[in-house]
């Protein structure tokens, strides 16, 4: 199974999940640096948080290497993609969850807003426990 990093970069917070296949969670982490930090000169601190997370996943979670990185959220832009590709060394994909949701034929949805809706869509799809 593939090992993937799913990252949601909001204005003030970054959420990341590293999973192997559909059933094995390696790491779930949130940190209080988001797109605003990246645009205000705190790129080094943001990068260190991501690197520390990857290092932890390798040393404690058994992750050997990432196969793919999927990025969502309002902070996902070309600069972030370049920064992440330098750190991860794998393809970075802007993930649009709307591409995977069946909708009624008459329903008009702005596809470009999909990456902004990833968290909301995920919460809406949760099954009650």
C-alpha atoms as a PDB file:
ATOM      1  CA  UNK A   1       0.000   0.000   0.000  1.00  0.00           C
ATOM      2  CA  UNK A   2       1.039   3.575  -0.671  1.00  0.00           C
ATOM      3  CA  UNK A   3       2.114   5.908   2.115  1.00  0.00           C
ATOM      4  CA  UNK A   4       0.595   9.338   1.643  1.00  0.00           C
ATOM      5  CA  UNK A   5       0.684  12.707   3.349  1.00  0.00           C
ATOM      6  CA  UNK A   6      -2.584  14.635   3.296  1.00  0.00           C
ATOM      7  CA  UNK A   7      -2.075  18.246   4.326  1.00  0.00           C
ATOM      8  CA  UNK A   8      -4.679  20.963   4.846  1.00  0.00           C
ATOM      9  CA  UNK A   9      -3.121  24.424   5.018  1.00  0.00           C
ATOM     10  CA  UNK A  10      -5.495  26.996   6.462  1.00  0.00           C
ATOM     11  CA  UNK A  11      -4.832  30.635   7.283  1.00  0.00           C
ATOM     12  CA  UNK A  12      -3.505  29.979  10.807  1.00  0.00           C
ATOM     13  CA  UNK A  13      -3.323  26.199  11.162  1.00  0.00           C
ATOM     14  CA  UNK A  14      -1.865  23.280   9.242  1.00  0.00           C
ATOM     15  CA  UNK A  15      -3.346  19.800   9.653  1.00  0.00           C
ATOM     16  CA  UNK A  16      -1.429  16.799   8.415  1.00  0.00           C
ATOM     17  CA  UNK A  17      -2.134  13.116   8.248  1.00  0.00           C
ATOM     18  CA  UNK A  18       0.270  10.403   7.173  1.00  0.00           C
ATOM     19  CA  UNK A  19      -1.343   7.077   6.365  1.00  0.00           C
ATOM     20  CA  UNK A  20      -0.313   3.807   4.794  1.00  0.00           C
ATOM     21  CA  UNK A  21      -3.120   2.408   2.700  1.00  0.00           C
ATOM     22  CA  UNK A  22      -6.717   2.982   3.711  1.00  0.00           C
ATOM     23  CA  UNK A  23      -6.441   1.439   7.183  1.00  0.00           C
ATOM     24  CA  UNK A  24      -3.129   2.414   8.798  1.00  0.00           C
ATOM     25  CA  UNK A  25      -2.774   5.838  10.386  1.00  0.00           C
ATOM     26  CA  UNK A  26       0.879   6.677  10.994  1.00  0.00           C
ATOM     27  CA  UNK A  27       0.561  10.264  12.227  1.00  0.00           C
ATOM     28  CA  UNK A  28      -2.098  12.925  12.710  1.00  0.00           C
ATOM     29  CA  UNK A  29      -0.891  16.361  13.718  1.00  0.00           C
ATOM     30  CA  UNK A  30      -2.034  19.975  13.795  1.00  0.00           C
ATOM     31  CA  UNK A  31       0.237  22.955  14.295  1.00  0.00           C
ATOM     32  CA  UNK A  32      -0.509  26.641  14.651  1.00  0.00           C
ATOM     33  CA  UNK A  33       1.331  27.868  11.579  1.00  0.00           C
ATOM     34  CA  UNK A  34      -0.594  28.201   8.334  1.00  0.00           C
ATOM     35  CA  UNK A  35      -0.605  30.242   5.144  1.00  0.00           C
ATOM     36  CA  UNK A  36      -0.409  33.514   7.062  1.00  0.00           C
ATOM     37  CA  UNK A  37       2.872  32.416   8.666  1.00  0.00           C
ATOM     38  CA  UNK A  38       4.261  31.467   5.260  1.00  0.00           C
ATOM     39  CA  UNK A  39       3.459  34.873   3.781  1.00  0.00           C
ATOM     40  CA  UNK A  40       4.741  36.780   6.832  1.00  0.00           C
ATOM     41  CA  UNK A  41       8.271  35.361   6.786  1.00  0.00           C
ATOM     42  CA  UNK A  42       7.836  32.364   9.083  1.00  0.00           C
ATOM     43  CA  UNK A  43       8.561  29.841   6.332  1.00  0.00           C
ATOM     44  CA  UNK A  44      11.499  28.400   8.292  1.00  0.00           C
ATOM     45  CA  UNK A  45       9.359  27.600  11.340  1.00  0.00           C
ATOM     46  CA  UNK A  46       6.596  26.100   9.183  1.00  0.00           C
ATOM     47  CA  UNK A  47       9.132  23.961   7.300  1.00  0.00           C
ATOM     48  CA  UNK A  48      10.674  22.795  10.581  1.00  0.00           C
ATOM     49  CA  UNK A  49       7.254  21.652  11.847  1.00  0.00           C
ATOM     50  CA  UNK A  50       6.676  19.634   8.674  1.00  0.00           C
ATOM     51  CA  UNK A  51      10.185  18.151   8.771  1.00  0.00           C
ATOM     52  CA  UNK A  52       9.788  17.247  12.453  1.00  0.00           C
ATOM     53  CA  UNK A  53       6.488  15.531  11.652  1.00  0.00           C
ATOM     54  CA  UNK A  54       8.069  13.520   8.834  1.00  0.00           C
ATOM     55  CA  UNK A  55      10.996  12.611  11.079  1.00  0.00           C
ATOM     56  CA  UNK A  56       8.672  11.472  13.849  1.00  0.00           C
ATOM     57  CA  UNK A  57       6.686   9.352  11.383  1.00  0.00           C
ATOM     58  CA  UNK A  58       9.921   7.699  10.251  1.00  0.00           C
ATOM     59  CA  UNK A  59      11.370   7.056  13.698  1.00  0.00           C
ATOM     60  CA  UNK A  60       8.224   6.212  15.686  1.00  0.00           C
ATOM     61  CA  UNK A  61       5.577   5.372  13.106  1.00  0.00           C
ATOM     62  CA  UNK A  62       7.552   3.044  10.881  1.00  0.00           C
ATOM     63  CA  UNK A  63       7.234   5.195   7.760  1.00  0.00           C
ATOM     64  CA  UNK A  64       9.952   4.405   5.266  1.00  0.00           C
ATOM     65  CA  UNK A  65       9.120   6.896   2.508  1.00  0.00           C
ATOM     66  CA  UNK A  66       6.239   8.927   1.164  1.00  0.00           C
ATOM     67  CA  UNK A  67       4.695   7.929  -2.146  1.00  0.00           C
ATOM     68  CA  UNK A  68       2.444  10.960  -2.622  1.00  0.00           C
ATOM     69  CA  UNK A  69       1.548  14.287  -1.008  1.00  0.00           C
ATOM     70  CA  UNK A  70      -1.952  15.762  -1.346  1.00  0.00           C
ATOM     71  CA  UNK A  71      -2.518  19.395  -0.347  1.00  0.00           C
ATOM     72  CA  UNK A  72      -5.808  21.200   0.311  1.00  0.00           C
ATOM     73  CA  UNK A  73      -6.941  24.401   1.972  1.00  0.00           C
ATOM     74  CA  UNK A  74      -6.799  28.095   1.270  1.00  0.00           C
ATOM     75  CA  UNK A  75      -3.026  28.151   1.718  1.00  0.00           C
ATOM     76  CA  UNK A  76      -2.324  25.616  -1.004  1.00  0.00           C
ATOM     77  CA  UNK A  77      -0.564  27.524  -3.764  1.00  0.00           C
ATOM     78  CA  UNK A  78       2.442  27.201  -6.092  1.00  0.00           C
ATOM     79  CA  UNK A  79       4.908  28.479  -3.484  1.00  0.00           C
ATOM     80  CA  UNK A  80       3.726  25.864  -1.002  1.00  0.00           C
ATOM     81  CA  UNK A  81       3.939  23.182  -3.681  1.00  0.00           C
ATOM     82  CA  UNK A  82       7.564  24.135  -4.410  1.00  0.00           C
ATOM     83  CA  UNK A  83       8.483  24.205  -0.724  1.00  0.00           C
ATOM     84  CA  UNK A  84       6.888  20.804  -0.067  1.00  0.00           C
ATOM     85  CA  UNK A  85       8.416  19.168  -3.142  1.00  0.00           C
ATOM     86  CA  UNK A  86      11.877  20.170  -1.882  1.00  0.00           C
ATOM     87  CA  UNK A  87      11.148  18.587   1.523  1.00  0.00           C
ATOM     88  CA  UNK A  88       9.235  15.468   0.474  1.00  0.00           C
ATOM     89  CA  UNK A  89      10.958  14.602  -2.795  1.00  0.00           C
ATOM     90  CA  UNK A  90       7.719  13.222  -4.274  1.00  0.00           C
ATOM     91  CA  UNK A  91       4.975  14.677  -6.476  1.00  0.00           C
ATOM     92  CA  UNK A  92       2.736  17.238  -4.768  1.00  0.00           C
ATOM     93  CA  UNK A  93      -0.911  17.180  -5.850  1.00  0.00           C
ATOM     94  CA  UNK A  94      -3.505  19.852  -5.139  1.00  0.00           C
ATOM     95  CA  UNK A  95      -6.337  17.573  -4.031  1.00  0.00           C
ATOM     96  CA  UNK A  96      -9.911  18.465  -4.936  1.00  0.00           C
ATOM     97  CA  UNK A  97     -12.382  16.249  -3.047  1.00  0.00           C
ATOM     98  CA  UNK A  98     -15.221  17.379  -5.336  1.00  0.00           C
ATOM     99  CA  UNK A  99     -13.672  15.258  -8.097  1.00  0.00           C
ATOM    100  CA  UNK A 100     -14.633  12.157  -6.110  1.00  0.00           C
ATOM    101  CA  UNK A 101     -18.190  13.011  -5.123  1.00  0.00           C
ATOM    102  CA  UNK A 102     -21.162  12.047  -7.262  1.00  0.00           C
ATOM    103  CA  UNK A 103     -23.651  14.881  -7.634  1.00  0.00           C
ATOM    104  CA  UNK A 104     -27.067  15.330  -9.198  1.00  0.00           C
ATOM    105  CA  UNK A 105     -26.757  16.296 -12.892  1.00  0.00           C
ATOM    106  CA  UNK A 106     -28.517  19.644 -12.389  1.00  0.00           C
ATOM    107  CA  UNK A 107     -26.401  20.683  -9.397  1.00  0.00           C
ATOM    108  CA  UNK A 108     -23.921  23.426 -10.257  1.00  0.00           C
ATOM    109  CA  UNK A 109     -20.786  23.501  -8.120  1.00  0.00           C
ATOM    110  CA  UNK A 110     -17.696  25.655  -8.570  1.00  0.00           C
ATOM    111  CA  UNK A 111     -14.967  23.006  -8.902  1.00  0.00           C
ATOM    112  CA  UNK A 112     -12.281  25.539  -7.974  1.00  0.00           C
ATOM    113  CA  UNK A 113     -13.709  25.761  -4.456  1.00  0.00           C
ATOM    114  CA  UNK A 114     -13.152  22.036  -3.838  1.00  0.00           C
ATOM    115  CA  UNK A 115      -9.756  22.319  -2.103  1.00  0.00           C
ATOM    116  CA  UNK A 116     -11.279  24.855   0.288  1.00  0.00           C
ATOM    117  CA  UNK A 117     -14.014  22.392   1.252  1.00  0.00           C
ATOM    118  CA  UNK A 118     -11.939  19.307   2.078  1.00  0.00           C
ATOM    119  CA  UNK A 119     -12.384  19.503   5.860  1.00  0.00           C
ATOM    120  CA  UNK A 120     -16.109  20.301   5.629  1.00  0.00           C
ATOM    121  CA  UNK A 121     -16.699  17.443   3.176  1.00  0.00           C
ATOM    122  CA  UNK A 122     -14.738  15.047   5.386  1.00  0.00           C
ATOM    123  CA  UNK A 123     -16.777  15.991   8.430  1.00  0.00           C
ATOM    124  CA  UNK A 124     -20.027  15.641   6.495  1.00  0.00           C
ATOM    125  CA  UNK A 125     -19.077  12.120   5.376  1.00  0.00           C
ATOM    126  CA  UNK A 126     -18.307  10.825   8.882  1.00  0.00           C
ATOM    127  CA  UNK A 127     -20.486   8.019  10.092  1.00  0.00           C
ATOM    128  CA  UNK A 128     -22.072   8.408  13.526  1.00  0.00           C
ATOM    129  CA  UNK A 129     -20.535   6.222  16.205  1.00  0.00           C
END
